[in-house]
């Protein structure tokens, strides 16, 4: 991002953490036939600037994916309206938004928007299963059960709602694949398949 807040997505910066790689592995563990288009916006401490988040989401929506997976969010109210507008735009295009809730329990966006598949984590759920409680899909908050994850350094330290959201994104990709790409009312379809 330059001094005026402009984000250049053609600039390929070196990845400073394995977060995105682990998310992709978790999604593919649930449904192998997924094609990714990644927007690497997290720094080495897994933080980002809200303006970068907004720019990345705009860019992702323009690419017309089936699903936008967001392993992050913000509790800053100044980003509430811009995110709300972008989420509405994505939904009008038929894009499914999956968002990790805050690990701290704070209200965060976009996970608290009604048109978003909001996800929390639970360490007692197997990574192949999920549940729905109090308005959130609940999935495993770690990657310990994924075969072949051990080649990633410090994989055991990756825990939280980001991992849970990845498993739910994989479940949605699987449902879309089974239905020939058509998956209206994804929340209803997800709930029907809970722990089958």
C-alpha atoms as a PDB file:
ATOM      1  CA  UNK A   1       0.000   0.000   0.000  1.00  0.00           C
ATOM      2  CA  UNK A   2       1.402   3.418  -0.882  1.00  0.00           C
ATOM      3  CA  UNK A   3       1.156   6.625   1.189  1.00  0.00           C
ATOM      4  CA  UNK A   4      -2.246   7.443  -0.374  1.00  0.00           C
ATOM      5  CA  UNK A   5      -3.686   4.067   0.593  1.00  0.00           C
ATOM      6  CA  UNK A   6      -3.596   2.598  -2.939  1.00  0.00           C
ATOM      7  CA  UNK A   7      -3.043  -1.163  -3.014  1.00  0.00           C
ATOM      8  CA  UNK A   8      -1.217  -2.757  -5.950  1.00  0.00           C
ATOM      9  CA  UNK A   9      -2.278  -6.392  -6.231  1.00  0.00           C
ATOM     10  CA  UNK A  10       0.133  -7.053  -9.077  1.00  0.00           C
ATOM     11  CA  UNK A  11       3.043  -6.620  -6.705  1.00  0.00           C
ATOM     12  CA  UNK A  12       4.148 -10.077  -5.557  1.00  0.00           C
ATOM     13  CA  UNK A  13       5.495  -9.716  -2.049  1.00  0.00           C
ATOM     14  CA  UNK A  14       7.217 -12.592  -0.319  1.00  0.00           C
ATOM     15  CA  UNK A  15       4.882 -14.488   1.977  1.00  0.00           C
ATOM     16  CA  UNK A  16       5.945 -13.942   5.587  1.00  0.00           C
ATOM     17  CA  UNK A  17       3.859 -16.728   7.180  1.00  0.00           C
ATOM     18  CA  UNK A  18       2.283 -20.098   6.354  1.00  0.00           C
ATOM     19  CA  UNK A  19      -1.253 -19.074   7.260  1.00  0.00           C
ATOM     20  CA  UNK A  20      -2.620 -19.063   3.704  1.00  0.00           C
ATOM     21  CA  UNK A  21      -0.913 -22.345   2.856  1.00  0.00           C
ATOM     22  CA  UNK A  22      -2.433 -24.029   5.896  1.00  0.00           C
ATOM     23  CA  UNK A  23      -5.881 -22.608   5.065  1.00  0.00           C
ATOM     24  CA  UNK A  24      -5.592 -24.003   1.523  1.00  0.00           C
ATOM     25  CA  UNK A  25      -4.531 -27.421   2.860  1.00  0.00           C
ATOM     26  CA  UNK A  26      -7.515 -27.458   5.261  1.00  0.00           C
ATOM     27  CA  UNK A  27      -9.962 -26.535   2.479  1.00  0.00           C
ATOM     28  CA  UNK A  28      -8.489 -29.178   0.165  1.00  0.00           C
ATOM     29  CA  UNK A  29      -8.648 -31.768   2.936  1.00  0.00           C
ATOM     30  CA  UNK A  30     -12.452 -31.444   2.808  1.00  0.00           C
ATOM     31  CA  UNK A  31     -12.789 -31.034  -0.976  1.00  0.00           C
ATOM     32  CA  UNK A  32      -9.833 -31.677  -3.234  1.00  0.00           C
ATOM     33  CA  UNK A  33     -11.130 -30.048  -6.428  1.00  0.00           C
ATOM     34  CA  UNK A  34     -10.711 -26.414  -5.474  1.00  0.00           C
ATOM     35  CA  UNK A  35      -8.909 -23.736  -7.449  1.00  0.00           C
ATOM     36  CA  UNK A  36      -7.484 -20.891  -5.410  1.00  0.00           C
ATOM     37  CA  UNK A  37      -6.844 -17.249  -6.167  1.00  0.00           C
ATOM     38  CA  UNK A  38      -5.063 -15.910  -3.117  1.00  0.00           C
ATOM     39  CA  UNK A  39      -4.865 -12.365  -1.780  1.00  0.00           C
ATOM     40  CA  UNK A  40      -1.982 -12.347   0.669  1.00  0.00           C
ATOM     41  CA  UNK A  41      -2.761  -9.371   2.931  1.00  0.00           C
ATOM     42  CA  UNK A  42      -1.507 -10.550   6.334  1.00  0.00           C
ATOM     43  CA  UNK A  43       1.907  -9.601   7.685  1.00  0.00           C
ATOM     44  CA  UNK A  44       4.223 -11.874   9.684  1.00  0.00           C
ATOM     45  CA  UNK A  45       2.120 -11.218  12.805  1.00  0.00           C
ATOM     46  CA  UNK A  46      -1.092 -12.148  10.933  1.00  0.00           C
ATOM     47  CA  UNK A  47      -2.315  -8.533  10.964  1.00  0.00           C
ATOM     48  CA  UNK A  48      -3.379  -6.197   8.176  1.00  0.00           C
ATOM     49  CA  UNK A  49      -4.659  -2.700   7.524  1.00  0.00           C
ATOM     50  CA  UNK A  50      -8.439  -2.280   7.089  1.00  0.00           C
ATOM     51  CA  UNK A  51      -7.884  -0.375   3.840  1.00  0.00           C
ATOM     52  CA  UNK A  52      -5.987  -3.358   2.462  1.00  0.00           C
ATOM     53  CA  UNK A  53      -8.847  -5.639   3.533  1.00  0.00           C
ATOM     54  CA  UNK A  54     -11.375  -3.436   1.690  1.00  0.00           C
ATOM     55  CA  UNK A  55      -9.211  -3.273  -1.452  1.00  0.00           C
ATOM     56  CA  UNK A  56      -8.589  -7.029  -1.433  1.00  0.00           C
ATOM     57  CA  UNK A  57     -12.299  -7.781  -1.029  1.00  0.00           C
ATOM     58  CA  UNK A  58     -13.187  -5.428  -3.939  1.00  0.00           C
ATOM     59  CA  UNK A  59     -10.554  -7.127  -6.079  1.00  0.00           C
ATOM     60  CA  UNK A  60     -11.794 -10.605  -5.120  1.00  0.00           C
ATOM     61  CA  UNK A  61     -15.419  -9.734  -5.963  1.00  0.00           C
ATOM     62  CA  UNK A  62     -14.364  -8.450  -9.399  1.00  0.00           C
ATOM     63  CA  UNK A  63     -12.887 -11.892 -10.125  1.00  0.00           C
ATOM     64  CA  UNK A  64     -16.352 -13.536  -9.716  1.00  0.00           C
ATOM     65  CA  UNK A  65     -15.380 -16.565  -7.629  1.00  0.00           C
ATOM     66  CA  UNK A  66     -17.899 -19.066  -6.283  1.00  0.00           C
ATOM     67  CA  UNK A  67     -16.694 -18.530  -2.702  1.00  0.00           C
ATOM     68  CA  UNK A  68     -14.690 -15.834  -0.948  1.00  0.00           C
ATOM     69  CA  UNK A  69     -12.985 -17.243   2.119  1.00  0.00           C
ATOM     70  CA  UNK A  70     -12.021 -14.647   4.718  1.00  0.00           C
ATOM     71  CA  UNK A  71      -9.803 -15.811   7.568  1.00  0.00           C
ATOM     72  CA  UNK A  72      -9.959 -12.389   9.117  1.00  0.00           C
ATOM     73  CA  UNK A  73     -12.206  -9.507   9.998  1.00  0.00           C
ATOM     74  CA  UNK A  74     -12.225  -6.238  11.864  1.00  0.00           C
ATOM     75  CA  UNK A  75     -14.029  -4.785  14.852  1.00  0.00           C
ATOM     76  CA  UNK A  76     -13.303  -1.204  13.755  1.00  0.00           C
ATOM     77  CA  UNK A  77     -16.600   0.544  13.060  1.00  0.00           C
ATOM     78  CA  UNK A  78     -15.096   2.787  10.356  1.00  0.00           C
ATOM     79  CA  UNK A  79     -14.951  -0.301   8.110  1.00  0.00           C
ATOM     80  CA  UNK A  80     -18.490  -1.478   8.892  1.00  0.00           C
ATOM     81  CA  UNK A  81     -20.253   0.357   6.043  1.00  0.00           C
ATOM     82  CA  UNK A  82     -17.629  -0.253   3.318  1.00  0.00           C
ATOM     83  CA  UNK A  83     -17.601  -3.963   4.182  1.00  0.00           C
ATOM     84  CA  UNK A  84     -21.407  -4.120   4.308  1.00  0.00           C
ATOM     85  CA  UNK A  85     -21.652  -2.567   0.826  1.00  0.00           C
ATOM     86  CA  UNK A  86     -19.093  -5.006  -0.582  1.00  0.00           C
ATOM     87  CA  UNK A  87     -20.755  -8.035   1.013  1.00  0.00           C
ATOM     88  CA  UNK A  88     -24.105  -6.985  -0.517  1.00  0.00           C
ATOM     89  CA  UNK A  89     -22.414  -6.599  -3.915  1.00  0.00           C
ATOM     90  CA  UNK A  90     -20.896 -10.086  -3.628  1.00  0.00           C
ATOM     91  CA  UNK A  91     -24.214 -11.640  -2.593  1.00  0.00           C
ATOM     92  CA  UNK A  92     -26.017 -10.020  -5.539  1.00  0.00           C
ATOM     93  CA  UNK A  93     -23.480 -11.730  -7.792  1.00  0.00           C
ATOM     94  CA  UNK A  94     -24.158 -15.084  -6.116  1.00  0.00           C
ATOM     95  CA  UNK A  95     -20.770 -15.219  -4.375  1.00  0.00           C
ATOM     96  CA  UNK A  96     -20.763 -17.039  -1.043  1.00  0.00           C
ATOM     97  CA  UNK A  97     -18.775 -15.274   1.691  1.00  0.00           C
ATOM     98  CA  UNK A  98     -17.295 -17.383   4.504  1.00  0.00           C
ATOM     99  CA  UNK A  99     -15.802 -15.412   7.384  1.00  0.00           C
ATOM    100  CA  UNK A 100     -14.001 -16.403  10.555  1.00  0.00           C
ATOM    101  CA  UNK A 101     -15.432 -14.840  13.698  1.00  0.00           C
ATOM    102  CA  UNK A 102     -13.047 -13.107  16.080  1.00  0.00           C
ATOM    103  CA  UNK A 103     -10.944 -15.440  18.220  1.00  0.00           C
ATOM    104  CA  UNK A 104     -11.502 -13.085  21.155  1.00  0.00           C
ATOM    105  CA  UNK A 105     -15.302 -13.248  21.066  1.00  0.00           C
ATOM    106  CA  UNK A 106     -15.602  -9.578  20.016  1.00  0.00           C
ATOM    107  CA  UNK A 107     -18.137  -8.626  17.382  1.00  0.00           C
ATOM    108  CA  UNK A 108     -16.291  -8.471  14.086  1.00  0.00           C
ATOM    109  CA  UNK A 109     -17.091  -7.787  10.461  1.00  0.00           C
ATOM    110  CA  UNK A 110     -17.894  -9.269   8.039  1.00  0.00           C
ATOM    111  CA  UNK A 111     -18.629 -12.372  10.157  1.00  0.00           C
ATOM    112  CA  UNK A 112     -21.508 -10.630  11.954  1.00  0.00           C
ATOM    113  CA  UNK A 113     -23.338  -9.682   8.743  1.00  0.00           C
ATOM    114  CA  UNK A 114     -26.452 -11.769   8.064  1.00  0.00           C
ATOM    115  CA  UNK A 115     -25.510 -12.675   4.479  1.00  0.00           C
ATOM    116  CA  UNK A 116     -22.181 -14.200   5.560  1.00  0.00           C
ATOM    117  CA  UNK A 117     -21.470 -17.804   6.557  1.00  0.00           C
ATOM    118  CA  UNK A 118     -20.002 -17.052   9.992  1.00  0.00           C
ATOM    119  CA  UNK A 119     -17.687 -19.568  11.637  1.00  0.00           C
ATOM    120  CA  UNK A 120     -16.305 -20.228  15.122  1.00  0.00           C
ATOM    121  CA  UNK A 121     -13.907 -22.949  16.236  1.00  0.00           C
ATOM    122  CA  UNK A 122     -14.038 -25.834  18.691  1.00  0.00           C
ATOM    123  CA  UNK A 123     -11.048 -28.039  19.500  1.00  0.00           C
ATOM    124  CA  UNK A 124     -13.261 -31.032  20.328  1.00  0.00           C
ATOM    125  CA  UNK A 125     -14.730 -31.434  16.818  1.00  0.00           C
ATOM    126  CA  UNK A 126     -13.060 -33.673  14.247  1.00  0.00           C
ATOM    127  CA  UNK A 127     -11.953 -31.730  11.179  1.00  0.00           C
ATOM    128  CA  UNK A 128     -14.333 -33.718   8.956  1.00  0.00           C
ATOM    129  CA  UNK A 129     -17.398 -32.714  10.972  1.00  0.00           C
ATOM    130  CA  UNK A 130     -19.118 -29.471  11.910  1.00  0.00           C
ATOM    131  CA  UNK A 131     -22.085 -28.156  13.838  1.00  0.00           C
ATOM    132  CA  UNK A 132     -24.347 -25.102  14.002  1.00  0.00           C
ATOM    133  CA  UNK A 133     -24.837 -23.258  17.300  1.00  0.00           C
ATOM    134  CA  UNK A 134     -26.154 -19.818  18.211  1.00  0.00           C
ATOM    135  CA  UNK A 135     -25.936 -18.459  14.672  1.00  0.00           C
ATOM    136  CA  UNK A 136     -22.457 -19.794  13.862  1.00  0.00           C
ATOM    137  CA  UNK A 137     -21.157 -22.826  12.051  1.00  0.00           C
ATOM    138  CA  UNK A 138     -18.673 -24.546  14.348  1.00  0.00           C
ATOM    139  CA  UNK A 139     -15.721 -26.578  13.064  1.00  0.00           C
ATOM    140  CA  UNK A 140     -12.368 -27.790  14.325  1.00  0.00           C
ATOM    141  CA  UNK A 141     -10.090 -24.950  15.358  1.00  0.00           C
ATOM    142  CA  UNK A 142      -6.859 -26.775  14.457  1.00  0.00           C
ATOM    143  CA  UNK A 143      -5.166 -28.791  11.715  1.00  0.00           C
ATOM    144  CA  UNK A 144      -3.870 -31.674  13.841  1.00  0.00           C
ATOM    145  CA  UNK A 145      -6.082 -34.298  12.106  1.00  0.00           C
ATOM    146  CA  UNK A 146      -5.013 -33.452   8.554  1.00  0.00           C
ATOM    147  CA  UNK A 147      -2.753 -36.119   7.044  1.00  0.00           C
ATOM    148  CA  UNK A 148       0.593 -34.861   5.731  1.00  0.00           C
ATOM    149  CA  UNK A 149       0.321 -31.471   7.481  1.00  0.00           C
ATOM    150  CA  UNK A 150       3.559 -32.172   9.329  1.00  0.00           C
ATOM    151  CA  UNK A 151       5.754 -30.798   6.538  1.00  0.00           C
ATOM    152  CA  UNK A 152       4.609 -27.282   7.543  1.00  0.00           C
ATOM    153  CA  UNK A 153       6.814 -25.842  10.288  1.00  0.00           C
ATOM    154  CA  UNK A 154       4.963 -25.184  13.540  1.00  0.00           C
ATOM    155  CA  UNK A 155       1.650 -26.489  12.119  1.00  0.00           C
ATOM    156  CA  UNK A 156       0.527 -27.320  15.665  1.00  0.00           C
ATOM    157  CA  UNK A 157       0.560 -23.602  16.530  1.00  0.00           C
ATOM    158  CA  UNK A 158      -2.047 -22.750  13.903  1.00  0.00           C
ATOM    159  CA  UNK A 159      -5.326 -22.677  15.824  1.00  0.00           C
ATOM    160  CA  UNK A 160      -8.430 -20.563  15.776  1.00  0.00           C
ATOM    161  CA  UNK A 161     -11.452 -19.550  13.802  1.00  0.00           C
ATOM    162  CA  UNK A 162      -9.406 -19.264  10.596  1.00  0.00           C
ATOM    163  CA  UNK A 163      -8.888 -23.029  10.582  1.00  0.00           C
ATOM    164  CA  UNK A 164     -12.578 -23.608  11.371  1.00  0.00           C
ATOM    165  CA  UNK A 165     -13.647 -21.311   8.522  1.00  0.00           C
ATOM    166  CA  UNK A 166     -11.387 -23.230   6.120  1.00  0.00           C
ATOM    167  CA  UNK A 167     -13.176 -26.496   6.913  1.00  0.00           C
ATOM    168  CA  UNK A 168     -16.561 -24.846   6.326  1.00  0.00           C
ATOM    169  CA  UNK A 169     -15.328 -23.393   3.025  1.00  0.00           C
ATOM    170  CA  UNK A 170     -14.310 -26.922   2.035  1.00  0.00           C
ATOM    171  CA  UNK A 171     -17.770 -28.223   2.954  1.00  0.00           C
ATOM    172  CA  UNK A 172     -19.408 -25.505   0.821  1.00  0.00           C
ATOM    173  CA  UNK A 173     -17.120 -26.332  -2.121  1.00  0.00           C
ATOM    174  CA  UNK A 174     -18.121 -29.995  -1.745  1.00  0.00           C
ATOM    175  CA  UNK A 175     -21.845 -29.135  -1.699  1.00  0.00           C
ATOM    176  CA  UNK A 176     -21.461 -26.920  -4.782  1.00  0.00           C
ATOM    177  CA  UNK A 177     -19.599 -29.709  -6.568  1.00  0.00           C
ATOM    178  CA  UNK A 178     -22.290 -32.267  -5.713  1.00  0.00           C
ATOM    179  CA  UNK A 179     -24.996 -29.930  -6.995  1.00  0.00           C
ATOM    180  CA  UNK A 180     -23.240 -29.067 -10.263  1.00  0.00           C
ATOM    181  CA  UNK A 181     -22.154 -25.640  -9.056  1.00  0.00           C
ATOM    182  CA  UNK A 182     -25.654 -24.529  -8.055  1.00  0.00           C
ATOM    183  CA  UNK A 183     -26.060 -24.069  -4.308  1.00  0.00           C
ATOM    184  CA  UNK A 184     -28.729 -21.584  -3.301  1.00  0.00           C
ATOM    185  CA  UNK A 185     -29.479 -21.239   0.403  1.00  0.00           C
ATOM    186  CA  UNK A 186     -26.063 -22.601   1.326  1.00  0.00           C
ATOM    187  CA  UNK A 187     -26.755 -22.181   5.041  1.00  0.00           C
ATOM    188  CA  UNK A 188     -29.767 -24.512   4.805  1.00  0.00           C
ATOM    189  CA  UNK A 189     -27.797 -27.054   2.771  1.00  0.00           C
ATOM    190  CA  UNK A 190     -24.912 -26.962   5.266  1.00  0.00           C
ATOM    191  CA  UNK A 191     -27.271 -27.518   8.184  1.00  0.00           C
ATOM    192  CA  UNK A 192     -28.834 -30.552   6.457  1.00  0.00           C
ATOM    193  CA  UNK A 193     -25.410 -32.220   6.166  1.00  0.00           C
ATOM    194  CA  UNK A 194     -24.240 -31.633   9.742  1.00  0.00           C
ATOM    195  CA  UNK A 195     -22.185 -34.585  10.996  1.00  0.00           C
ATOM    196  CA  UNK A 196     -23.470 -37.023   8.359  1.00  0.00           C
END
